[in-house]
Amino acid sequence: QVRVLQSEGGLVQAGGSLRLSCTASGRTVTMLDMGWFRQVPGKEREFVGAIRWNGGKIEYADSVKGRFTISRDIVQNTVYLQMNNLLSEDAAAYYCAADWRRSVVLPTKPDQYEYWGQGTQVTVSS
């Protein structure tokens, strides 16, 4: 059983930065594809980015490329989402997800992930 625990989000001004963390238990992050998603009320959960279990591939949604960075700390068994130059449209509930099945390609869709964090709210003020 894999558990995924997310850090708290927060309120940040537009143009500011925030880092979210996601700690896995039950398996090491070196065995897990880890993804970040976000969702606003009334819309589907949206892919933000993901990192392959071996760290060999990282993908981002076009909307966050150049502003968001995914990294991981193997010792802490934690994956991070560094969000810079935040825009009002980045405000959402952010979710971390994990999957151990090692699909052929890096998962980018919610239904490709088996384990989910509790979600955390990111609010961007203008």
Foldseek 3Di string as FASTA:
>chain_A
DKAKAKDAADEEAQQAKDKIKIAMPPDALLQKKKFKWWDDPPDDIFGAKIAASNRPDIDGDPVQPPFWDWDDDRVRSMIMIIGGNDDQVVWGWMKMFIDRPRDPDRDRDPVRTDYIYPTYTYGYHD
